[in-house]
Amino acid sequence: MGGDYSRPFLKFTLPNKERRVILYDFCYDLKDKEISEKLAVTVRTVYNLRQRAFKKIRTYYE
């Protein structure tokens, strides 16, 4: 039944690396290998950062 609109959207932020993974993945359509090179992390770390970001986004909208 409707969302909780008392929480302003701008208060929701992701840590920098998580935000960058989401941005590179969905806006720039980069592959995990390319993202890992840009962020100087492993491909597995890119996967983990994306999963953490998704979890935070899901929790925010619940």
PDB file of N, CA and C in Angstrom:
ATOM      1  N   MET A   1       0.822  -1.184   0.000  1.00  0.00           N
ATOM      2  CA  MET A   1       0.000   0.000   0.000  1.00  0.00           C
ATOM      3  C   MET A   1       0.868   1.250   0.000  1.00  0.00           C
ATOM      4  N   GLY A   2       1.194   1.734  -1.117  1.00  0.00           N
ATOM      5  CA  GLY A   2       1.947   2.979  -1.175  1.00  0.00           C
ATOM      6  C   GLY A   2       3.282   2.880  -0.470  1.00  0.00           C
ATOM      7  N   GLY A   3       4.182   3.702  -0.840  1.00  0.00           N
ATOM      8  CA  GLY A   3       5.491   3.706  -0.200  1.00  0.00           C
ATOM      9  C   GLY A   3       5.543   4.680   0.944  1.00  0.00           C
ATOM     10  N   ASP A   4       6.620   4.574   1.688  1.00  0.00           N
ATOM     11  CA  ASP A   4       6.847   5.518   2.775  1.00  0.00           C
ATOM     12  C   ASP A   4       7.580   6.705   2.188  1.00  0.00           C
ATOM     13  N   TYR A   5       6.868   7.780   1.932  1.00  0.00           N
ATOM     14  CA  TYR A   5       7.465   8.950   1.300  1.00  0.00           C
ATOM     15  C   TYR A   5       8.018   9.938   2.305  1.00  0.00           C
ATOM     16  N   SER A   6       8.050   9.552   3.584  1.00  0.00           N
ATOM     17  CA  SER A   6       8.590  10.455   4.597  1.00  0.00           C
ATOM     18  C   SER A   6      10.112  10.482   4.570  1.00  0.00           C
ATOM     19  N   ARG A   7      10.726   9.481   3.919  1.00  0.00           N
ATOM     20  CA  ARG A   7      12.186   9.451   3.812  1.00  0.00           C
ATOM     21  C   ARG A   7      12.599  10.103   2.503  1.00  0.00           C
ATOM     22  N   PRO A   8      13.228  11.251   2.557  1.00  0.00           N
ATOM     23  CA  PRO A   8      13.634  11.918   1.313  1.00  0.00           C
ATOM     24  C   PRO A   8      14.638  11.075   0.536  1.00  0.00           C
ATOM     25  N   PHE A   9      14.472  11.028  -0.771  1.00  0.00           N
ATOM     26  CA  PHE A   9      15.350  10.236  -1.633  1.00  0.00           C
ATOM     27  C   PHE A   9      16.807  10.663  -1.494  1.00  0.00           C
ATOM     28  N   LEU A  10      17.059  11.939  -1.348  1.00  0.00           N
ATOM     29  CA  LEU A  10      18.436  12.417  -1.308  1.00  0.00           C
ATOM     30  C   LEU A  10      19.195  11.943  -0.079  1.00  0.00           C
ATOM     31  N   LYS A  11      18.505  11.463   0.931  1.00  0.00           N
ATOM     32  CA  LYS A  11      19.200  10.941   2.111  1.00  0.00           C
ATOM     33  C   LYS A  11      19.767   9.558   1.840  1.00  0.00           C
ATOM     34  N   PHE A  12      19.299   8.910   0.766  1.00  0.00           N
ATOM     35  CA  PHE A  12      19.800   7.584   0.422  1.00  0.00           C
ATOM     36  C   PHE A  12      21.053   7.730  -0.416  1.00  0.00           C
ATOM     37  N   THR A  13      22.156   7.297   0.116  1.00  0.00           N
ATOM     38  CA  THR A  13      23.398   7.337  -0.648  1.00  0.00           C
ATOM     39  C   THR A  13      24.128   6.011  -0.484  1.00  0.00           C
ATOM     40  N   LEU A  14      24.873   5.674  -1.487  1.00  0.00           N
ATOM     41  CA  LEU A  14      25.719   4.485  -1.446  1.00  0.00           C
ATOM     42  C   LEU A  14      27.159   4.936  -1.254  1.00  0.00           C
ATOM     43  N   PRO A  15      27.975   4.089  -0.644  1.00  0.00           N
ATOM     44  CA  PRO A  15      29.406   4.406  -0.592  1.00  0.00           C
ATOM     45  C   PRO A  15      29.951   4.577  -2.012  1.00  0.00           C
ATOM     46  N   ASN A  16      30.995   5.345  -2.131  1.00  0.00           N
ATOM     47  CA  ASN A  16      31.527   5.730  -3.434  1.00  0.00           C
ATOM     48  C   ASN A  16      31.765   4.547  -4.371  1.00  0.00           C
ATOM     49  N   LYS A  17      32.454   3.504  -3.908  1.00  0.00           N
ATOM     50  CA  LYS A  17      32.763   2.385  -4.808  1.00  0.00           C
ATOM     51  C   LYS A  17      31.504   1.646  -5.238  1.00  0.00           C
ATOM     52  N   GLU A  18      30.556   1.465  -4.331  1.00  0.00           N
ATOM     53  CA  GLU A  18      29.304   0.800  -4.694  1.00  0.00           C
ATOM     54  C   GLU A  18      28.550   1.623  -5.738  1.00  0.00           C
ATOM     55  N   ARG A  19      28.497   2.919  -5.532  1.00  0.00           N
ATOM     56  CA  ARG A  19      27.816   3.812  -6.471  1.00  0.00           C
ATOM     57  C   ARG A  19      28.486   3.761  -7.848  1.00  0.00           C
ATOM     58  N   ARG A  20      29.815   3.765  -7.853  1.00  0.00           N
ATOM     59  CA  ARG A  20      30.542   3.736  -9.122  1.00  0.00           C
ATOM     60  C   ARG A  20      30.330   2.421  -9.870  1.00  0.00           C
ATOM     61  N   VAL A  21      30.273   1.299  -9.139  1.00  0.00           N
ATOM     62  CA  VAL A  21      30.008   0.017  -9.789  1.00  0.00           C
ATOM     63  C   VAL A  21      28.645   0.048 -10.471  1.00  0.00           C
ATOM     64  N   ILE A  22      27.627   0.541  -9.764  1.00  0.00           N
ATOM     65  CA  ILE A  22      26.285   0.624 -10.347  1.00  0.00           C
ATOM     66  C   ILE A  22      26.290   1.554 -11.567  1.00  0.00           C
ATOM     67  N   LEU A  23      26.946   2.687 -11.432  1.00  0.00           N
ATOM     68  CA  LEU A  23      27.022   3.649 -12.533  1.00  0.00           C
ATOM     69  C   LEU A  23      27.723   3.051 -13.748  1.00  0.00           C
ATOM     70  N   TYR A  24      28.898   2.467 -13.554  1.00  0.00           N
ATOM     71  CA  TYR A  24      29.635   1.875 -14.673  1.00  0.00           C
ATOM     72  C   TYR A  24      28.862   0.725 -15.313  1.00  0.00           C
ATOM     73  N   ASP A  25      28.189  -0.057 -14.485  1.00  0.00           N
ATOM     74  CA  ASP A  25      27.464  -1.221 -14.996  1.00  0.00           C
ATOM     75  C   ASP A  25      26.235  -0.808 -15.803  1.00  0.00           C
ATOM     76  N   PHE A  26      25.394   0.033 -15.240  1.00  0.00           N
ATOM     77  CA  PHE A  26      24.111   0.326 -15.869  1.00  0.00           C
ATOM     78  C   PHE A  26      24.102   1.550 -16.775  1.00  0.00           C
ATOM     79  N   CYS A  27      24.936   2.516 -16.506  1.00  0.00           N
ATOM     80  CA  CYS A  27      24.950   3.721 -17.349  1.00  0.00           C
ATOM     81  C   CYS A  27      25.976   3.622 -18.478  1.00  0.00           C
ATOM     82  N   TYR A  28      27.125   3.046 -18.171  1.00  0.00           N
ATOM     83  CA  TYR A  28      28.180   2.956 -19.177  1.00  0.00           C
ATOM     84  C   TYR A  28      28.304   1.564 -19.786  1.00  0.00           C
ATOM     85  N   ASP A  29      27.518   0.608 -19.267  1.00  0.00           N
ATOM     86  CA  ASP A  29      27.475  -0.752 -19.796  1.00  0.00           C
ATOM     87  C   ASP A  29      28.856  -1.413 -19.855  1.00  0.00           C
ATOM     88  N   LEU A  30      29.656  -1.191 -18.812  1.00  0.00           N
ATOM     89  CA  LEU A  30      30.976  -1.813 -18.754  1.00  0.00           C
ATOM     90  C   LEU A  30      30.864  -3.220 -18.178  1.00  0.00           C
ATOM     91  N   LYS A  31      31.751  -4.088 -18.604  1.00  0.00           N
ATOM     92  CA  LYS A  31      31.841  -5.447 -18.072  1.00  0.00           C
ATOM     93  C   LYS A  31      32.573  -5.405 -16.727  1.00  0.00           C
ATOM     94  N   ASP A  32      32.386  -6.451 -15.932  1.00  0.00           N
ATOM     95  CA  ASP A  32      33.017  -6.499 -14.611  1.00  0.00           C
ATOM     96  C   ASP A  32      34.542  -6.332 -14.687  1.00  0.00           C
ATOM     97  N   LYS A  33      35.153  -6.920 -15.688  1.00  0.00           N
ATOM     98  CA  LYS A  33      36.609  -6.804 -15.860  1.00  0.00           C
ATOM     99  C   LYS A  33      37.005  -5.337 -16.072  1.00  0.00           C
ATOM    100  N   GLU A  34      36.260  -4.623 -16.887  1.00  0.00           N
ATOM    101  CA  GLU A  34      36.555  -3.204 -17.141  1.00  0.00           C
ATOM    102  C   GLU A  34      36.350  -2.368 -15.881  1.00  0.00           C
ATOM    103  N   ILE A  35      35.297  -2.670 -15.145  1.00  0.00           N
ATOM    104  CA  ILE A  35      35.030  -1.950 -13.897  1.00  0.00           C
ATOM    105  C   ILE A  35      36.151  -2.218 -12.902  1.00  0.00           C
ATOM    106  N   SER A  36      36.573  -3.464 -12.810  1.00  0.00           N
ATOM    107  CA  SER A  36      37.638  -3.806 -11.858  1.00  0.00           C
ATOM    108  C   SER A  36      38.932  -3.063 -12.188  1.00  0.00           C
ATOM    109  N   GLU A  37      39.215  -2.888 -13.461  1.00  0.00           N
ATOM    110  CA  GLU A  37      40.417  -2.147 -13.863  1.00  0.00           C
ATOM    111  C   GLU A  37      40.297  -0.672 -13.495  1.00  0.00           C
ATOM    112  N   LYS A  38      39.116  -0.083 -13.701  1.00  0.00           N
ATOM    113  CA  LYS A  38      38.910   1.332 -13.358  1.00  0.00           C
ATOM    114  C   LYS A  38      39.028   1.577 -11.851  1.00  0.00           C
ATOM    115  N   LEU A  39      38.515   0.624 -11.057  1.00  0.00           N
ATOM    116  CA  LEU A  39      38.504   0.798  -9.600  1.00  0.00           C
ATOM    117  C   LEU A  39      39.726   0.190  -8.917  1.00  0.00           C
ATOM    118  N   ALA A  40      40.574  -0.479  -9.686  1.00  0.00           N
ATOM    119  CA  ALA A  40      41.767  -1.151  -9.154  1.00  0.00           C
ATOM    120  C   ALA A  40      41.396  -2.166  -8.066  1.00  0.00           C
ATOM    121  N   VAL A  41      40.407  -3.000  -8.385  1.00  0.00           N
ATOM    122  CA  VAL A  41      39.986  -4.078  -7.486  1.00  0.00           C
ATOM    123  C   VAL A  41      39.819  -5.341  -8.333  1.00  0.00           C
ATOM    124  N   THR A  42      39.580  -6.469  -7.663  1.00  0.00           N
ATOM    125  CA  THR A  42      39.376  -7.710  -8.394  1.00  0.00           C
ATOM    126  C   THR A  42      37.957  -7.766  -8.963  1.00  0.00           C
ATOM    127  N   VAL A  43      37.768  -8.666  -9.913  1.00  0.00           N
ATOM    128  CA  VAL A  43      36.439  -8.865 -10.499  1.00  0.00           C
ATOM    129  C   VAL A  43      35.471  -9.331  -9.410  1.00  0.00           C
ATOM    130  N   ARG A  44      35.937 -10.179  -8.509  1.00  0.00           N
ATOM    131  CA  ARG A  44      35.086 -10.656  -7.412  1.00  0.00           C
ATOM    132  C   ARG A  44      34.647  -9.486  -6.523  1.00  0.00           C
ATOM    133  N   THR A  45      35.520  -8.528  -6.282  1.00  0.00           N
ATOM    134  CA  THR A  45      35.161  -7.361  -5.479  1.00  0.00           C
ATOM    135  C   THR A  45      34.080  -6.551  -6.170  1.00  0.00           C
ATOM    136  N   VAL A  46      34.141  -6.435  -7.481  1.00  0.00           N
ATOM    137  CA  VAL A  46      33.096  -5.734  -8.236  1.00  0.00           C
ATOM    138  C   VAL A  46      31.760  -6.424  -7.997  1.00  0.00           C
ATOM    139  N   TYR A  47      31.752  -7.756  -8.095  1.00  0.00           N
ATOM    140  CA  TYR A  47      30.527  -8.522  -7.845  1.00  0.00           C
ATOM    141  C   TYR A  47      30.009  -8.257  -6.430  1.00  0.00           C
ATOM    142  N   ASN A  48      30.898  -8.317  -5.450  1.00  0.00           N
ATOM    143  CA  ASN A  48      30.496  -8.101  -4.052  1.00  0.00           C
ATOM    144  C   ASN A  48      29.950  -6.693  -3.830  1.00  0.00           C
ATOM    145  N   LEU A  49      30.597  -5.701  -4.408  1.00  0.00           N
ATOM    146  CA  LEU A  49      30.134  -4.317  -4.271  1.00  0.00           C
ATOM    147  C   LEU A  49      28.747  -4.143  -4.875  1.00  0.00           C
ATOM    148  N   ARG A  50      28.520  -4.762  -6.037  1.00  0.00           N
ATOM    149  CA  ARG A  50      27.210  -4.683  -6.685  1.00  0.00           C
ATOM    150  C   ARG A  50      26.138  -5.338  -5.810  1.00  0.00           C
ATOM    151  N   GLN A  51      26.444  -6.491  -5.247  1.00  0.00           N
ATOM    152  CA  GLN A  51      25.467  -7.189  -4.411  1.00  0.00           C
ATOM    153  C   GLN A  51      25.136  -6.382  -3.154  1.00  0.00           C
ATOM    154  N   ARG A  52      26.157  -5.771  -2.551  1.00  0.00           N
ATOM    155  CA  ARG A  52      25.918  -4.916  -1.371  1.00  0.00           C
ATOM    156  C   ARG A  52      25.046  -3.728  -1.734  1.00  0.00           C
ATOM    157  N   ALA A  53      25.325  -3.121  -2.878  1.00  0.00           N
ATOM    158  CA  ALA A  53      24.532  -1.974  -3.322  1.00  0.00           C
ATOM    159  C   ALA A  53      23.082  -2.381  -3.556  1.00  0.00           C
ATOM    160  N   PHE A  54      22.873  -3.509  -4.239  1.00  0.00           N
ATOM    161  CA  PHE A  54      21.506  -3.995  -4.476  1.00  0.00           C
ATOM    162  C   PHE A  54      20.775  -4.243  -3.167  1.00  0.00           C
ATOM    163  N   LYS A  55      21.472  -4.826  -2.203  1.00  0.00           N
ATOM    164  CA  LYS A  55      20.839  -5.107  -0.908  1.00  0.00           C
ATOM    165  C   LYS A  55      20.408  -3.807  -0.226  1.00  0.00           C
ATOM    166  N   LYS A  56      21.270  -2.802  -0.258  1.00  0.00           N
ATOM    167  CA  LYS A  56      20.937  -1.511   0.353  1.00  0.00           C
ATOM    168  C   LYS A  56      19.765  -0.840  -0.361  1.00  0.00           C
ATOM    169  N   ILE A  57      19.747  -0.939  -1.678  1.00  0.00           N
ATOM    170  CA  ILE A  57      18.652  -0.350  -2.451  1.00  0.00           C
ATOM    171  C   ILE A  57      17.343  -1.063  -2.130  1.00  0.00           C
ATOM    172  N   ARG A  58      17.373  -2.406  -2.095  1.00  0.00           N
ATOM    173  CA  ARG A  58      16.162  -3.180  -1.759  1.00  0.00           C
ATOM    174  C   ARG A  58      15.663  -2.818  -0.372  1.00  0.00           C
ATOM    175  N   THR A  59      16.576  -2.765   0.601  1.00  0.00           N
ATOM    176  CA  THR A  59      16.191  -2.441   1.989  1.00  0.00           C
ATOM    177  C   THR A  59      15.586  -1.044   2.069  1.00  0.00           C
ATOM    178  N   TYR A  60      16.149  -0.107   1.346  1.00  0.00           N
ATOM    179  CA  TYR A  60      15.642   1.264   1.359  1.00  0.00           C
ATOM    180  C   TYR A  60      14.204   1.332   0.880  1.00  0.00           C
ATOM    181  N   TYR A  61      13.877   0.548  -0.152  1.00  0.00           N
ATOM    182  CA  TYR A  61      12.544   0.632  -0.740  1.00  0.00           C
ATOM    183  C   TYR A  61      11.526  -0.324  -0.128  1.00  0.00           C
ATOM    184  N   GLU A  62      11.925  -1.105   0.865  1.00  0.00           N
ATOM    185  CA  GLU A  62      10.976  -1.990   1.524  1.00  0.00           C
ATOM    186  C   GLU A  62      10.069  -1.236   2.455  1.00  0.00           C
TER     187      GLU A  62
END
